[in-house]
Amino acid sequence: MQRLLLIGLAAAILLHGQRHKLTINAETPEGQLLQQIGQESDAAKKLTLMEEFIQKNPKHEGSAWVLDQMVAANLKAGSFDKALDAAQKLIAIDPDDTVSAHNALKAAEGKKDPDLVKQWAGITSKAARKAAAAPEPTEADEKETWKNTVDYAKQVDTYTEYSLYASALSTADGAKKLMLAETLEAQNPQSEYIGRVRDQVFLALRQSGQNDKAVALAEKVIEKDQTNEDMLLVVADKLMNAKKDPDRVVALSNKLVEVMKTKPKPEGVADADWAKRKDMMMGIGHWMAGMTLSGQNKLKETDVALRAALPLIENNPQLAAPALFQLGLANYKMGSASKNKTVLADALSFNRRCAAIKSPYAAQAVKNAQVIQQQFGIK
């Protein structure tokens, strides 16, 4: 991005020299004031003189040149409101002025105002795309200027996408973050920054309680990229609770486990915290797969998945109790069919462990344990 800005700056300098021609007639009060502006070396005094000129001569042919200088000076001074005001006046003179629109966007960024960034990113992109689409001139001496203008316009258009992305990352307001990300996608669905900001949008949707939108976004993303564990989880959970597409629930749950096995620890996260998160997510993945497989009466697969889940979810009664119950049931069915006392003993153990947890499964687990004892004489 630094290279982009440097190239853009060079092009902008060329364009500045061609955008606003200035002829000074020193015999008029306006010309004398313009001459005084050009000769003033003190930046603050120079700005004061320019403001005086615009106030007195808003429609003078030299006003565009003065406003252009005011935008640059105010941006440099960090006076973003004044820079924005001057840029807006230039846009009023020429709505297709890409340089002024870009400067207005920079002022909006300086103000850290997401709404203004959204507004000026749109205005700037529109002006830049129009400039980039300008037909190539037939005159040879005009071709270099045309090329510089088109190249600069394309760079500015790309910068508007970066601006939306950067503003989305920096704002703490979830609704604003979502607004900027949606604006970016609407402006260019193929933008390189969409992938970078999608996780932020997903979190913003969840934090703002817009779970349906979060799931819809996750569905869209995991069609092509199944590396975000939270997105895998919310889609699988949604399908599981809706009792839809059990095979896909199992596939997504297994993918969640696979992702967490190999995913590197993010920067800034403590080793212990990352290990805890990995265990939790892998445990949930195994659990969701096992519980779904139990509903399909796939006994061996249920046994494998829920046995893998147990060490990772044992401190979570809400997950452990149903897992133990389904393990007890699966092992009872398998042991009964094969008359395997070892499997039946596991079934009894799982039911007893389930009965020891205060949950809706406890009472039935007690009864199941009694049946196994009575039916097969296992203690």
Protein backbone atom coordinates (compact mmCIF):
# COMPACT_ATOMS: atom_id res chain seq x y z
CA MET A 1 0.00 0.00 0.00
CA GLN A 2 2.93 2.35 0.66
CA ARG A 3 4.06 1.92 -2.96
CA LEU A 4 0.52 2.63 -4.12
CA LEU A 5 0.46 5.88 -2.17
CA LEU A 6 3.84 6.97 -3.49
CA ILE A 7 2.83 6.31 -7.08
CA GLY A 8 -0.48 8.03 -6.49
CA LEU A 9 1.25 11.03 -4.98
CA ALA A 10 3.52 11.38 -7.98
CA ALA A 11 0.55 11.24 -10.33
CA ALA A 12 -1.35 13.70 -8.18
CA ILE A 13 1.51 16.20 -8.42
CA LEU A 14 1.37 15.99 -12.19
CA LEU A 15 -2.37 16.41 -12.17
CA HIS A 16 -2.29 19.37 -9.81
CA GLY A 17 -0.26 21.26 -12.31
CA GLN A 18 -2.89 20.76 -14.99
CA ARG A 19 -6.17 20.92 -13.12
CA HIS A 20 -6.34 24.57 -12.06
CA LYS A 21 -4.68 27.15 -14.27
CA LEU A 22 -3.97 30.47 -12.58
CA THR A 23 -3.41 33.79 -14.30
CA ILE A 24 -2.65 36.68 -11.95
CA ASN A 25 -3.57 40.21 -12.88
CA ALA A 26 -1.60 42.27 -10.36
CA GLU A 27 -3.53 45.40 -11.30
CA THR A 28 -6.71 44.09 -9.62
CA PRO A 29 -7.34 43.65 -5.85
CA GLU A 30 -7.97 39.95 -6.44
CA GLY A 31 -4.71 39.56 -8.34
CA GLN A 32 -2.77 41.43 -5.68
CA LEU A 33 -4.17 39.12 -3.00
CA LEU A 34 -3.28 36.07 -5.10
CA GLN A 35 0.20 37.45 -5.54
CA GLN A 36 0.48 38.00 -1.80
CA ILE A 37 -0.62 34.37 -1.19
CA GLY A 38 2.05 33.10 -3.56
CA GLN A 39 4.77 35.15 -1.86
CA GLU A 40 3.82 34.35 1.76
CA SER A 41 6.23 31.82 3.36
CA ASP A 42 4.50 31.44 6.74
CA ALA A 43 2.01 28.54 6.47
CA ALA A 44 -0.50 29.93 8.99
CA LYS A 45 -0.50 33.40 7.43
CA LYS A 46 -0.78 31.87 3.97
CA LEU A 47 -3.89 29.94 5.03
CA THR A 48 -5.43 33.07 6.50
CA LEU A 49 -4.88 34.91 3.22
CA MET A 50 -6.41 32.06 1.23
CA GLU A 51 -9.47 31.97 3.49
CA GLU A 52 -9.81 35.73 3.00
CA PHE A 53 -9.62 35.33 -0.77
CA ILE A 54 -12.34 32.65 -0.88
CA GLN A 55 -14.57 34.64 1.43
CA LYS A 56 -14.28 37.75 -0.73
CA ASN A 57 -14.09 36.09 -4.16
CA PRO A 58 -15.93 32.74 -4.08
CA LYS A 59 -16.62 32.78 -7.83
CA HIS A 60 -13.32 34.20 -9.03
CA GLU A 61 -11.54 32.15 -11.69
CA GLY A 62 -8.65 31.68 -9.28
CA SER A 63 -10.82 30.29 -6.47
CA ALA A 64 -10.30 26.66 -7.54
CA TRP A 65 -6.52 27.08 -7.38
CA VAL A 66 -6.77 28.66 -3.94
CA LEU A 67 -9.14 25.97 -2.63
CA ASP A 68 -6.76 23.31 -3.92
CA GLN A 69 -3.92 24.87 -1.92
CA MET A 70 -6.18 25.13 1.12
CA VAL A 71 -7.04 21.43 1.02
CA ALA A 72 -3.39 20.40 0.93
CA ALA A 73 -2.36 22.87 3.63
CA ASN A 74 -5.18 21.91 5.98
CA LEU A 75 -4.57 18.19 5.52
CA LYS A 76 -0.91 18.74 6.37
CA ALA A 77 -1.88 20.76 9.44
CA GLY A 78 -4.40 18.16 10.61
CA SER A 79 -7.30 20.59 10.22
CA PHE A 80 -9.54 17.93 8.72
CA ASP A 81 -12.84 19.84 8.93
CA LYS A 82 -11.35 22.76 7.01
CA ALA A 83 -9.74 20.43 4.48
CA LEU A 84 -13.07 18.68 3.97
CA ASP A 85 -14.90 21.98 3.57
CA ALA A 86 -12.46 23.18 0.92
CA ALA A 87 -12.58 19.84 -0.91
CA GLN A 88 -16.37 19.96 -0.94
CA LYS A 89 -16.25 23.40 -2.54
CA LEU A 90 -13.93 22.03 -5.22
CA ILE A 91 -16.25 19.07 -5.84
CA ALA A 92 -19.11 21.56 -6.25
CA ILE A 93 -17.08 23.24 -9.00
CA ASP A 94 -16.12 19.94 -10.64
CA PRO A 95 -18.00 16.79 -9.48
CA ASP A 96 -15.52 14.62 -11.41
CA ASP A 97 -12.46 15.97 -9.60
CA THR A 98 -10.79 12.73 -8.48
CA VAL A 99 -7.95 14.46 -6.62
CA SER A 100 -10.28 16.59 -4.51
CA ALA A 101 -12.58 13.67 -3.78
CA HIS A 102 -9.55 11.63 -2.69
CA ASN A 103 -8.43 14.45 -0.42
CA ALA A 104 -11.90 14.64 1.08
CA LEU A 105 -11.68 10.92 1.81
CA LYS A 106 -8.31 11.47 3.50
CA ALA A 107 -9.90 14.17 5.64
CA ALA A 108 -12.73 11.81 6.59
CA GLU A 109 -10.14 9.22 7.60
CA GLY A 110 -8.37 11.85 9.67
CA LYS A 111 -11.61 12.57 11.50
CA LYS A 112 -12.04 8.81 12.11
CA ASP A 113 -15.67 9.14 11.06
CA PRO A 114 -17.02 5.88 9.53
CA ASP A 115 -20.05 7.61 8.01
CA LEU A 116 -17.89 10.19 6.26
CA VAL A 117 -15.48 7.50 5.10
CA LYS A 118 -18.40 5.59 3.59
CA GLN A 119 -19.75 8.75 1.92
CA TRP A 120 -16.44 9.89 0.44
CA ALA A 121 -15.27 6.43 -0.54
CA GLY A 122 -18.36 6.21 -2.73
CA ILE A 123 -17.94 9.70 -4.20
CA THR A 124 -14.23 9.16 -4.80
CA SER A 125 -14.72 5.74 -6.40
CA LYS A 126 -17.37 7.11 -8.75
CA ALA A 127 -15.13 9.98 -9.86
CA ALA A 128 -12.10 7.70 -10.20
CA ARG A 129 -13.95 5.13 -12.29
CA LYS A 130 -15.22 7.82 -14.61
CA ALA A 131 -11.68 9.17 -15.05
CA ALA A 132 -10.27 5.68 -15.57
CA ALA A 133 -12.82 5.03 -18.31
CA ALA A 134 -11.85 8.12 -20.31
CA PRO A 135 -11.11 7.21 -23.94
CA GLU A 136 -7.53 7.43 -25.15
CA PRO A 137 -6.91 10.66 -27.05
CA THR A 138 -5.82 10.59 -30.67
CA GLU A 139 -3.27 13.39 -30.30
CA ALA A 140 0.19 12.06 -29.41
CA ASP A 141 1.04 14.95 -27.08
CA GLU A 142 -2.06 14.19 -24.97
CA LYS A 143 -1.43 10.48 -24.48
CA GLU A 144 1.04 10.80 -21.57
CA THR A 145 -1.31 13.02 -19.62
CA TRP A 146 -4.19 10.62 -20.30
CA LYS A 147 -2.12 7.65 -19.14
CA ASN A 148 -1.11 9.42 -15.91
CA THR A 149 -4.72 10.38 -15.26
CA VAL A 150 -6.05 6.86 -15.85
CA ASP A 151 -3.31 5.20 -13.77
CA TYR A 152 -3.86 7.59 -10.89
CA ALA A 153 -7.64 7.12 -11.05
CA LYS A 154 -7.31 3.33 -10.87
CA GLN A 155 -5.00 3.60 -7.88
CA VAL A 156 -7.40 5.96 -6.14
CA ASP A 157 -10.30 3.60 -6.77
CA THR A 158 -8.36 0.75 -5.15
CA TYR A 159 -7.46 3.06 -2.28
CA THR A 160 -11.15 3.68 -1.56
CA GLU A 161 -11.52 -0.06 -0.93
CA TYR A 162 -8.54 -0.02 1.41
CA SER A 163 -10.00 2.98 3.20
CA LEU A 164 -13.28 1.18 3.85
CA TYR A 165 -11.38 -1.89 5.04
CA ALA A 166 -9.06 0.05 7.35
CA SER A 167 -11.93 2.06 8.80
CA ALA A 168 -13.91 -1.15 9.43
CA LEU A 169 -10.96 -2.62 11.31
CA SER A 170 -10.36 0.46 13.42
CA THR A 171 -13.92 1.23 14.51
CA ALA A 172 -15.17 -0.43 17.70
CA ASP A 173 -18.83 0.05 16.76
CA GLY A 174 -20.14 -3.28 15.44
CA ALA A 175 -22.92 -1.65 13.40
CA LYS A 176 -20.47 0.76 11.76
CA LYS A 177 -18.04 -2.08 11.09
CA LEU A 178 -20.79 -4.00 9.33
CA MET A 179 -21.88 -0.92 7.37
CA LEU A 180 -18.37 -0.32 6.04
CA ALA A 181 -17.84 -3.97 5.13
CA GLU A 182 -21.15 -4.14 3.28
CA THR A 183 -20.27 -0.91 1.46
CA LEU A 184 -16.95 -2.42 0.43
CA GLU A 185 -18.59 -5.56 -0.94
CA ALA A 186 -21.24 -3.54 -2.78
CA GLN A 187 -18.58 -1.29 -4.28
CA ASN A 188 -16.44 -4.19 -5.47
CA PRO A 189 -17.50 -7.79 -4.75
CA GLN A 190 -14.06 -8.95 -5.95
CA SER A 191 -12.03 -6.62 -3.74
CA GLU A 192 -8.89 -8.13 -2.22
CA TYR A 193 -9.93 -6.61 1.13
CA ILE A 194 -13.23 -8.47 1.48
CA GLY A 195 -11.55 -11.65 2.63
CA ARG A 196 -9.52 -9.71 5.17
CA VAL A 197 -12.50 -7.99 6.72
CA ARG A 198 -15.03 -10.84 6.63
CA ASP A 199 -14.01 -12.26 10.02
CA GLN A 200 -14.50 -8.83 11.56
CA VAL A 201 -17.94 -8.57 9.98
CA PHE A 202 -18.88 -12.03 11.18
CA LEU A 203 -17.94 -11.13 14.75
CA ALA A 204 -19.78 -7.82 14.47
CA LEU A 205 -22.94 -9.60 13.34
CA ARG A 206 -22.76 -12.04 16.24
CA GLN A 207 -22.00 -9.32 18.77
CA SER A 208 -24.96 -7.27 17.56
CA GLY A 209 -27.29 -10.28 17.83
CA GLN A 210 -27.81 -10.61 14.07
CA ASN A 211 -27.30 -14.36 14.13
CA ASP A 212 -29.26 -15.11 10.95
CA LYS A 213 -27.01 -12.73 9.00
CA ALA A 214 -23.95 -14.22 10.68
CA VAL A 215 -24.98 -17.72 9.62
CA ALA A 216 -25.77 -16.53 6.09
CA LEU A 217 -22.32 -14.94 5.83
CA ALA A 218 -20.67 -18.07 7.22
CA GLU A 219 -22.57 -20.26 4.73
CA LYS A 220 -21.31 -18.09 1.89
CA VAL A 221 -17.72 -18.12 3.12
CA ILE A 222 -17.34 -21.83 3.86
CA GLU A 223 -18.45 -22.74 0.35
CA LYS A 224 -14.94 -21.70 -0.71
CA ASP A 225 -12.92 -21.42 2.49
CA GLN A 226 -13.32 -23.73 5.47
CA THR A 227 -10.57 -22.34 7.67
CA ASN A 228 -12.62 -20.26 10.10
CA GLU A 229 -13.61 -22.47 13.00
CA ASP A 230 -16.33 -20.13 14.30
CA MET A 231 -18.06 -20.07 10.93
CA LEU A 232 -17.93 -23.86 10.67
CA LEU A 233 -19.39 -24.10 14.15
CA VAL A 234 -22.33 -21.73 13.67
CA VAL A 235 -23.41 -23.37 10.42
CA ALA A 236 -23.16 -26.88 11.84
CA ASP A 237 -24.98 -25.80 15.00
CA LYS A 238 -27.76 -24.15 13.00
CA LEU A 239 -28.30 -27.29 10.92
CA MET A 240 -28.10 -29.56 13.95
CA ASN A 241 -30.69 -27.60 15.91
CA ALA A 242 -32.95 -27.48 12.89
CA LYS A 243 -32.47 -31.24 12.41
CA LYS A 244 -31.51 -30.67 8.79
CA ASP A 245 -28.92 -32.37 6.63
CA PRO A 246 -27.25 -34.59 9.28
CA ASP A 247 -24.54 -35.73 6.88
CA ARG A 248 -23.46 -32.12 6.39
CA VAL A 249 -23.50 -31.53 10.15
CA VAL A 250 -21.11 -34.46 10.59
CA ALA A 251 -18.89 -33.27 7.74
CA LEU A 252 -18.68 -29.72 9.08
CA SER A 253 -18.08 -30.96 12.62
CA ASN A 254 -15.25 -33.20 11.46
CA LYS A 255 -13.81 -30.30 9.46
CA LEU A 256 -13.90 -28.17 12.59
CA VAL A 257 -11.80 -30.77 14.41
CA GLU A 258 -9.39 -31.00 11.48
CA VAL A 259 -8.95 -27.22 11.33
CA MET A 260 -8.25 -26.92 15.05
CA LYS A 261 -5.69 -29.74 15.01
CA THR A 262 -3.41 -27.85 12.64
CA LYS A 263 -4.32 -24.19 13.16
CA PRO A 264 -1.37 -22.15 14.47
CA LYS A 265 -1.71 -20.02 17.56
CA PRO A 266 -2.66 -16.43 16.68
CA GLU A 267 -0.23 -13.69 17.62
CA GLY A 268 -0.85 -12.15 21.01
CA VAL A 269 -2.73 -15.16 22.42
CA ALA A 270 -1.24 -16.91 25.44
CA ASP A 271 -0.26 -20.56 24.99
CA ALA A 272 -2.61 -21.70 27.77
CA ASP A 273 -5.54 -19.74 26.35
CA TRP A 274 -4.96 -21.16 22.87
CA ALA A 275 -4.69 -24.72 24.19
CA LYS A 276 -7.96 -24.25 26.07
CA ARG A 277 -9.71 -22.91 22.97
CA LYS A 278 -8.40 -25.74 20.79
CA ASP A 279 -9.64 -28.34 23.24
CA MET A 280 -13.02 -26.67 23.53
CA MET A 281 -13.56 -26.36 19.78
CA MET A 282 -12.34 -29.89 19.04
CA GLY A 283 -14.51 -31.24 21.83
CA ILE A 284 -17.56 -29.50 20.43
CA GLY A 285 -16.73 -30.78 16.94
CA HIS A 286 -16.50 -34.38 18.11
CA TRP A 287 -19.64 -33.93 20.24
CA MET A 288 -21.76 -32.51 17.41
CA ALA A 289 -20.66 -35.27 15.07
CA GLY A 290 -21.35 -37.95 17.69
CA MET A 291 -24.75 -36.64 18.70
CA THR A 292 -25.79 -36.38 15.04
CA LEU A 293 -24.54 -39.88 14.28
CA SER A 294 -26.48 -41.22 17.25
CA GLY A 295 -29.64 -39.82 15.68
CA GLN A 296 -28.80 -41.79 12.55
CA ASN A 297 -28.29 -44.95 14.65
CA LYS A 298 -24.71 -45.26 13.40
CA LEU A 299 -23.50 -47.00 16.52
CA LYS A 300 -19.79 -47.52 15.85
CA GLU A 301 -19.33 -44.00 14.46
CA THR A 302 -21.22 -42.57 17.45
CA ASP A 303 -18.97 -44.46 19.83
CA VAL A 304 -15.79 -43.24 18.17
CA ALA A 305 -16.86 -39.57 18.00
CA LEU A 306 -18.24 -39.29 21.53
CA ARG A 307 -15.31 -41.15 23.10
CA ALA A 308 -13.04 -38.60 21.43
CA ALA A 309 -15.20 -35.77 22.76
CA LEU A 310 -15.38 -36.90 26.39
CA PRO A 311 -11.92 -35.86 27.65
CA LEU A 312 -12.41 -32.43 26.08
CA ILE A 313 -15.95 -31.73 27.35
CA GLU A 314 -15.97 -33.50 30.72
CA ASN A 315 -16.03 -30.18 32.58
CA ASN A 316 -19.14 -29.08 30.68
CA PRO A 317 -22.17 -30.95 32.12
CA GLN A 318 -24.48 -29.70 29.36
CA LEU A 319 -22.36 -31.54 26.78
CA ALA A 320 -21.02 -34.38 28.91
CA ALA A 321 -24.40 -35.67 30.13
CA PRO A 322 -25.99 -36.27 26.69
CA ALA A 323 -22.67 -37.61 25.36
CA LEU A 324 -22.46 -40.19 28.17
CA PHE A 325 -26.11 -41.10 27.71
CA GLN A 326 -25.70 -41.71 23.98
CA LEU A 327 -22.47 -43.63 24.56
CA GLY A 328 -24.30 -45.83 27.04
CA LEU A 329 -27.09 -46.44 24.56
CA ALA A 330 -24.77 -47.14 21.62
CA ASN A 331 -22.63 -49.57 23.62
CA TYR A 332 -25.72 -51.32 25.00
CA LYS A 333 -27.05 -51.90 21.48
CA MET A 334 -23.69 -53.09 20.17
CA GLY A 335 -23.04 -55.28 23.21
CA SER A 336 -26.50 -56.81 23.13
CA ALA A 337 -26.15 -57.74 19.47
CA SER A 338 -22.71 -59.29 19.90
CA LYS A 339 -23.09 -60.53 23.50
CA ASN A 340 -19.80 -58.76 24.20
CA LYS A 341 -19.48 -58.35 27.97
CA THR A 342 -16.68 -55.76 27.64
CA VAL A 343 -18.86 -53.50 25.52
CA LEU A 344 -21.80 -54.01 27.88
CA ALA A 345 -19.58 -53.13 30.83
CA ASP A 346 -18.72 -49.88 29.05
CA ALA A 347 -22.42 -49.25 28.53
CA LEU A 348 -23.02 -49.69 32.27
CA SER A 349 -20.11 -47.38 33.11
CA PHE A 350 -21.32 -44.65 30.74
CA ASN A 351 -24.83 -44.79 32.23
CA ARG A 352 -23.52 -44.59 35.77
CA ARG A 353 -21.35 -41.59 34.90
CA CYS A 354 -24.33 -39.95 33.23
CA ALA A 355 -26.54 -40.63 36.27
CA ALA A 356 -24.00 -38.86 38.48
CA ILE A 357 -24.49 -35.59 36.57
CA LYS A 358 -27.49 -33.46 37.43
CA SER A 359 -29.30 -33.30 34.09
CA PRO A 360 -32.52 -34.37 32.32
CA TYR A 361 -30.72 -37.60 31.36
CA ALA A 362 -29.90 -38.73 34.89
CA ALA A 363 -33.13 -40.55 35.78
CA GLN A 364 -33.23 -42.58 32.56
CA ALA A 365 -29.52 -43.36 32.88
CA VAL A 366 -30.23 -44.93 36.31
CA LYS A 367 -32.94 -47.11 34.77
CA ASN A 368 -30.70 -48.10 31.86
CA ALA A 369 -27.94 -49.13 34.24
CA GLN A 370 -30.38 -51.31 36.20
CA VAL A 371 -31.56 -53.01 32.99
CA ILE A 372 -27.98 -53.83 31.95
CA GLN A 373 -27.21 -55.27 35.39
CA GLN A 374 -30.38 -57.37 35.51
CA GLN A 375 -30.31 -58.51 31.88
CA PHE A 376 -26.65 -59.48 31.66
CA GLY A 377 -25.60 -59.90 35.30
CA ILE A 378 -22.93 -57.22 35.03
CA LYS A 379 -22.03 -55.28 38.19
